[in-house]
Structure formats: C-alpha cells, structure tokens
Protein backbone atom coordinates (compact mmCIF):
# COMPACT_ATOMS: atom_id res chain seq x y z
CA MET A 1 83.51 -33.69 -6.05
CA THR A 2 86.17 -31.26 -6.25
CA GLU A 3 84.88 -28.32 -7.34
CA VAL A 4 81.36 -27.03 -6.94
CA HIS A 5 79.44 -24.31 -9.24
CA LEU A 6 77.06 -21.11 -7.27
CA SER A 7 75.47 -19.13 -9.02
CA VAL A 8 75.25 -16.06 -6.62
CA PHE A 9 73.21 -12.81 -6.50
CA ARG A 10 74.68 -9.59 -6.96
CA GLY A 11 72.24 -6.46 -6.74
CA THR A 12 71.35 -3.22 -4.63
CA PRO A 13 68.08 -1.55 -4.73
CA THR A 14 69.11 0.58 -7.04
CA THR A 15 70.10 -1.62 -9.53
CA GLU A 16 69.24 -4.53 -11.80
CA GLY A 17 70.52 -7.41 -9.95
CA THR A 18 72.27 -10.71 -11.65
CA PHE A 19 73.58 -14.17 -10.65
CA VAL A 20 77.07 -14.20 -10.97
CA ASP A 21 79.08 -17.48 -11.69
CA PHE A 22 81.59 -19.43 -9.78
CA ASP A 23 83.94 -22.19 -9.40
CA VAL A 24 85.04 -23.28 -5.84
CA PRO A 25 87.43 -25.67 -5.18
CA VAL A 26 85.69 -28.58 -2.65
CA GLU A 27 87.12 -29.67 0.57
CA ASP A 28 84.91 -32.29 2.90
CA GLY A 29 82.71 -31.19 5.50
CA MET A 30 82.26 -27.33 3.62
CA VAL A 31 78.86 -26.42 3.57
CA VAL A 32 77.42 -23.17 1.63
CA LEU A 33 78.86 -20.72 3.74
CA ASP A 34 81.72 -21.74 3.47
CA ALA A 35 81.97 -21.55 -0.37
CA LEU A 36 80.82 -17.94 0.31
CA HIS A 37 83.36 -17.12 1.82
CA TRP A 38 85.81 -18.19 -0.49
CA ILE A 39 84.58 -16.10 -2.70
CA GLN A 40 84.43 -13.24 -1.08
CA GLY A 41 88.64 -14.19 -0.90
CA HIS A 42 89.64 -14.70 -3.90
CA GLU A 43 86.62 -13.64 -6.36
CA ALA A 44 84.63 -10.88 -5.08
CA PRO A 45 85.81 -9.16 -2.11
CA ASP A 46 82.84 -7.15 -2.05
CA LEU A 47 80.28 -9.55 -2.11
CA ALA A 48 77.76 -9.12 0.60
CA VAL A 49 76.70 -11.78 3.28
CA ARG A 50 75.25 -11.48 6.99
CA TRP A 51 76.57 -13.79 8.47
CA ASN A 52 77.80 -14.78 12.37
CA CYS A 53 78.21 -17.81 14.27
CA LYS A 54 78.21 -20.33 11.89
CA ALA A 55 77.12 -22.67 14.02
CA ALA A 56 73.19 -22.62 13.35
CA LYS A 57 72.32 -20.87 16.07
CA CYS A 58 72.48 -16.94 15.37
CA GLY A 59 70.25 -17.44 12.42
CA SER A 60 72.20 -14.06 10.86
CA CYS A 61 73.08 -16.39 7.66
CA GLY A 62 69.29 -17.56 5.93
CA ALA A 63 69.25 -17.15 2.00
CA GLU A 64 67.38 -19.47 -0.58
CA VAL A 65 69.61 -21.86 -2.12
CA ASN A 66 68.35 -23.44 -4.81
CA GLY A 67 64.75 -21.62 -4.30
CA ARG A 68 64.49 -23.01 -0.46
CA PRO A 69 65.46 -20.64 2.35
CA ARG A 70 67.78 -22.44 4.63
CA LEU A 71 71.08 -21.85 6.72
CA THR A 72 73.54 -21.19 4.48
CA CYS A 73 75.94 -22.33 7.57
CA LYS A 74 74.04 -25.81 7.67
CA THR A 75 73.70 -26.66 4.49
CA ARG A 76 76.41 -28.97 2.95
CA LEU A 77 77.89 -28.73 -0.39
CA SER A 78 77.94 -32.23 -0.70
CA ASP A 79 73.93 -32.61 -0.31
CA PHE A 80 74.37 -31.65 -3.69
CA GLU A 81 75.00 -34.16 -7.34
CA ASP A 82 77.94 -33.63 -9.09
CA GLY A 83 77.69 -31.42 -11.65
CA GLU A 84 74.48 -29.22 -9.93
CA THR A 85 74.47 -25.80 -10.05
CA ILE A 86 74.03 -24.03 -6.60
CA THR A 87 72.18 -20.97 -6.97
CA VAL A 88 72.05 -18.63 -3.66
CA GLU A 89 69.37 -15.69 -3.94
CA PRO A 90 68.66 -13.44 -0.88
CA MET A 91 65.56 -14.26 0.70
CA ARG A 92 62.46 -12.63 -0.58
CA ALA A 93 59.83 -11.38 1.62
CA PHE A 94 61.80 -9.25 2.71
CA PRO A 95 63.75 -5.90 1.01
CA LEU A 96 67.25 -5.97 -0.60
CA ILE A 97 69.93 -4.11 1.03
CA ARG A 98 72.85 -5.73 -1.19
CA ASP A 99 73.66 -8.86 -2.68
CA LEU A 100 72.60 -11.92 -0.07
CA VAL A 101 71.76 -9.27 2.83
CA THR A 102 67.87 -8.16 3.26
CA ASP A 103 66.44 -5.73 5.57
CA VAL A 104 64.93 -7.87 8.35
CA SER A 105 64.11 -5.06 10.42
CA TRP A 106 60.38 -5.15 10.16
CA ASN A 107 60.35 -8.08 12.21
CA TYR A 108 61.89 -6.23 15.45
CA GLU A 109 59.22 -4.09 14.95
CA VAL A 110 56.26 -6.22 14.98
CA ASN A 111 57.62 -8.51 17.93
CA GLU A 112 57.77 -5.53 20.10
CA ARG A 113 53.61 -4.70 19.19
CA ILE A 114 52.58 -8.01 20.85
CA PRO A 115 51.55 -7.74 24.45
CA PRO A 116 54.65 -8.60 26.87
CA PHE A 117 54.06 -11.63 29.54
CA GLN A 118 51.79 -11.00 32.04
CA PRO A 119 52.40 -12.77 35.53
CA PRO A 120 49.71 -12.93 38.27
CA ALA A 121 49.74 -9.38 39.91
CA ASP A 122 48.58 -11.15 43.32
CA GLN A 123 51.05 -14.08 43.21
CA PRO A 124 55.29 -13.40 43.94
CA GLN A 125 57.57 -14.68 42.05
CA GLU A 126 58.71 -17.25 44.91
CA THR A 127 55.39 -18.57 44.68
CA TRP A 128 55.23 -19.93 40.52
CA ARG A 129 54.62 -23.35 40.16
CA TRP A 130 53.75 -24.97 37.19
CA GLN A 131 54.23 -28.86 35.97
CA GLN A 132 56.92 -30.26 33.75
CA GLU A 133 54.18 -30.60 30.63
CA ASP A 134 53.89 -27.00 31.00
CA ILE A 135 57.35 -26.48 30.60
CA GLU A 136 57.95 -29.36 28.27
CA ARG A 137 55.45 -27.18 25.88
CA VAL A 138 56.20 -23.96 26.24
CA GLN A 139 60.53 -24.79 25.89
CA GLU A 140 60.04 -25.36 22.48
CA PHE A 141 58.84 -22.12 21.14
CA ARG A 142 61.94 -20.99 22.70
CA LYS A 143 63.77 -23.24 20.62
CA CYS A 144 63.85 -20.14 18.19
CA ILE A 145 66.90 -18.43 16.30
CA GLU A 146 65.16 -15.95 14.93
CA CYS A 147 66.59 -16.90 11.54
CA PHE A 148 62.89 -15.46 9.63
CA LEU A 149 63.44 -18.52 7.74
CA CYS A 150 59.41 -19.54 8.01
CA GLN A 151 58.62 -15.63 7.70
CA ASP A 152 60.77 -16.04 4.29
CA VAL A 153 58.54 -18.96 2.66
CA CYS A 154 55.57 -17.60 4.45
CA HIS A 155 53.43 -17.02 1.24
CA VAL A 156 51.30 -14.58 3.30
CA LEU A 157 54.25 -12.78 3.64
CA ARG A 158 55.98 -13.56 0.27
CA ASN A 159 52.52 -12.23 -1.88
CA HIS A 160 51.70 -9.22 0.34
CA GLU A 161 54.94 -8.31 1.92
CA THR A 162 54.74 -5.93 5.48
CA GLU A 163 52.02 -4.85 4.20
CA SER A 164 49.14 -7.28 5.29
CA PRO A 165 47.90 -7.41 8.45
CA PHE A 166 49.90 -10.61 9.81
CA ILE A 167 52.60 -10.73 11.82
CA GLY A 168 53.82 -14.22 10.63
CA PRO A 169 54.86 -17.66 11.82
CA ARG A 170 57.82 -17.03 13.65
CA PHE A 171 55.52 -14.35 16.03
CA LEU A 172 52.53 -16.64 16.19
CA VAL A 173 55.40 -18.75 17.51
CA ARG A 174 56.31 -15.73 19.72
CA SER A 175 52.87 -15.46 21.09
CA ALA A 176 51.93 -19.17 21.59
CA GLY A 177 55.08 -19.17 23.46
CA LEU A 178 53.53 -16.73 26.08
CA GLU A 179 49.89 -17.26 25.45
CA MET A 180 50.51 -21.32 26.94
CA HIS A 181 52.65 -20.18 29.68
CA PRO A 182 51.00 -21.87 33.08
CA ILE A 183 51.42 -18.23 35.09
CA ASP A 184 50.92 -15.82 31.97
CA THR A 185 47.53 -13.57 32.65
CA ALA A 186 47.25 -11.45 29.57
CA ASP A 187 45.14 -12.05 26.70
CA ARG A 188 46.34 -11.92 23.33
CA THR A 189 43.49 -12.87 21.01
CA GLY A 190 42.35 -9.99 19.81
CA HIS A 191 45.57 -9.25 19.04
CA LEU A 192 46.62 -12.28 17.14
CA LYS A 193 42.91 -11.71 15.42
CA ASP A 194 43.31 -8.42 14.08
CA GLU A 195 46.79 -7.03 13.93
CA GLY A 196 48.33 -10.90 13.62
CA GLY A 197 46.13 -11.72 11.19
CA ILE A 198 46.12 -15.07 12.16
CA GLY A 199 43.03 -16.15 9.48
CA TYR A 200 45.43 -14.92 7.05
CA CYS A 201 46.83 -18.25 7.82
CA ASN A 202 46.52 -21.50 5.73
CA ILE A 203 48.56 -24.06 7.68
CA THR A 204 49.64 -25.56 4.23
CA LYS A 205 52.52 -26.63 7.08
CA CYS A 206 56.09 -25.02 5.25
CA CYS A 207 57.17 -22.66 7.83
CA THR A 208 57.24 -26.09 9.98
CA GLU A 209 59.34 -27.38 6.89
CA VAL A 210 62.43 -24.92 6.78
CA CYS A 211 62.43 -24.28 10.41
CA PRO A 212 66.37 -25.83 11.33
CA GLU A 213 65.19 -25.51 15.07
CA HIS A 214 62.29 -28.58 13.72
CA ILE A 215 59.17 -26.47 15.83
CA LYS A 216 56.09 -28.41 15.00
CA ILE A 217 55.00 -24.37 14.14
CA THR A 218 51.89 -25.42 12.47
CA ASP A 219 50.90 -28.30 15.10
CA ASN A 220 51.82 -27.02 18.15
CA ALA A 221 51.31 -23.36 18.16
CA ILE A 222 49.07 -21.20 15.04
CA ILE A 223 46.59 -24.32 14.94
CA PRO A 224 46.35 -23.99 19.04
CA LEU A 225 45.97 -20.38 18.68
CA LYS A 226 43.55 -20.68 15.93
CA GLU A 227 41.29 -22.36 18.27
CA ARG A 228 41.32 -19.69 20.97
CA VAL A 229 40.31 -16.89 18.77
CA ALA A 230 37.46 -19.54 16.92
CA ASP A 231 36.61 -20.17 20.25
CA LYS A 232 36.60 -16.37 22.18
CA TYR A 233 35.03 -14.73 18.54
CA TYR A 234 33.23 -17.51 16.46
CA ASP A 235 31.12 -19.00 18.19
CA PRO A 236 27.76 -18.59 17.89
CA ILE A 237 26.75 -17.43 21.23
CA GLN A 238 29.06 -15.09 21.21
CA MET A 239 28.18 -13.56 18.41
CA VAL A 240 24.82 -13.51 19.07
CA TRP A 241 26.09 -11.92 22.75
CA ARG A 242 27.99 -9.00 20.77
CA LYS A 243 25.11 -8.40 18.85
CA LEU A 244 22.77 -7.90 21.27
CA THR A 245 24.99 -5.94 23.54
CA GLY A 246 27.05 -3.62 20.83
CA LYS A 247 29.98 -4.82 22.67
CA ARG A 248 33.54 -5.79 20.82
CA GLU A 249 34.21 -7.83 24.40
CA PRO A 250 33.43 -10.66 24.11
CA LEU A 251 30.84 -12.62 27.22
CA PRO A 252 32.86 -13.46 29.74
CA MET A 253 33.38 -17.68 29.71
CA VAL A 254 31.60 -18.76 33.33
CA ASP A 255 32.61 -22.33 34.89
CA MET A 256 29.22 -24.44 34.10
CA PRO A 257 27.39 -25.98 37.14
CA VAL A 258 27.93 -29.50 37.54
CA LEU A 259 24.65 -30.88 38.01
CA PRO A 260 24.29 -34.63 40.03
CA LYS A 261 25.33 -37.12 37.35
CA GLY A 262 22.04 -38.60 36.01
CA SER A 263 20.46 -35.74 35.87
CA SER A 264 19.12 -34.53 32.48
CA ALA A 265 22.28 -32.38 31.96
CA SER A 266 24.37 -34.74 32.96
CA ALA A 267 27.35 -35.18 30.21
CA GLY A 268 26.19 -38.66 29.70
CA GLY A 269 22.71 -37.13 28.62
CA PRO A 270 19.52 -37.99 30.14
CA GLU A 271 18.55 -40.64 32.19
CA ASP A 272 16.53 -43.73 30.42
CA PRO A 273 13.47 -44.10 31.40
CA PRO A 274 12.16 -46.89 33.36
CA PRO A 275 10.89 -50.13 30.99
CA ALA A 276 7.01 -50.36 30.66
CA SER A 277 5.25 -52.67 32.41
CA GLY A 278 5.72 -55.68 31.15
CA ASP A 279 8.93 -55.30 28.76
CA PRO A 280 12.39 -57.30 30.21
CA GLY A 281 14.58 -55.08 32.12
C-alpha cells in the first residue's frame, strides 16, 4: 500500500457537515492519526483534531473510523484492504464542536455526581488490609483512560443523548471500582438505580468490544452492579417491607443465625425421617 484514501468529516454545529476526500501517502507503521496529521500539514491546516500522547494512553484521539469507535493513534492503516476508503468522523454520542472534535464535558459532570470513596471512619489508614484478589479486581477498572469510546458506542447514549438518566458504561466502571473496593463503606446502589439509570443497560457488550484497555466492562462491572441493585430494591421481601412501612430505604440486611447441622432449616434441608419398622435401613 503506497497511498490511502481518507474521507474525513468537516463541519461545525452551525454549518451542514460534509465529507472531504484526501489521498495520503503511506509509510510503514502509519496509523490513522498520522494520516490526519499529514492532511493538516499539506492540504487542510484548519482541520480540527483532538490528540495528545499518540501512545494510546491519554484517550484524547477517539473518533469513528469506518463507523466503529476507535483511537486513531492505535488504528493502523495496514489493517484496511488496499483501495478501501477509510471514513473518519466525530463520535456521534456527543455534541459537535468542529470537524473531528466533540464536546465531552458532560462526562466530567457525571463523574462529579458519583458518591466518592468512603473509608471506614474508625480505621486509620495504616490499619487497612485486603487480599490480592481484591486488589486485582479493582485494578482492572483503574486501567480506564477515559477515551469515552464505550460511551460513544452505547446505544442508550446514542439514541437518547445526554438527556436520559443514564451515566453510561464508563461511569458504571468507575462506580464498580468504588463499590468493590474492600475498604469502601459507601452504598451507591440508590444512585445507580435512579440517577445512574443502570436498568437502561441491556448488556449487549458493545462497550466491552471497543475498549482499548480490554476491560471486561459488561461481565465484571455492569452485571455485578445490576445484581446488587436487584438484591436491594427488587427482592420480593424488600418490596413488601417498603409497601408496609412506606419507607424508601430497603429493609436492613442482617446475618441469619447458623443453625446446628441436621436441623430442619439447615442448608441441606430437613433430616431424612428414620425408616419405618421393617423397612431396610
């Protein structure tokens, strides 16, 4: 491949956008962002492109390449067929600023509304202890680079934009990192149910598929959070409690007493009755 054909979106919120074609010479190892920089340097110096590190760590250069949310610094030109037109357009879930740049500030506003980390008030920091498996589980969620590709591909945010009461997969991941932290004591299930709108997610896993950090967003973050919300707000006993008391908060969960082995309420069920007289024992 010596040359690649790009069709790049140009436009602003007040003008009708259009796709402009460019033929870009290709060198080994080039990525889509390199091609956009070539266009800026040779044919369209006013092309608006957001980027920073060019190392797939800052999350700034997200766009839609051939209809799929990607980091342009991580999408190699060699991944496309010879002669294939590469279409580059801004992320559709967010308001357009200009060309390939969108306004993602809504995400930071959502982030500020998530209840923060709350350690035990009666435990000094030097006394905190937890297991390696707990660290590994939370650490996965910390890999997020806030590229917002998962937000962009989410059909709830695409179809309803930011007016819907749904915080999106990125902030369900952040909530999971806090909720599953072994030291955190805050309860975010109410926030997830109401303002978070977790019920809108129907676990299509499209967010997981586009994540450049390979976070298992659906399986490890969203589904466990859905289970916590369901246990607290949709358990039949909890529903009866709220109906009888008129209280919004659910019935506090208490530890059930452990009965002696062999009792009728033990985990194994009632004991088998003794064999009747004459029956083989």
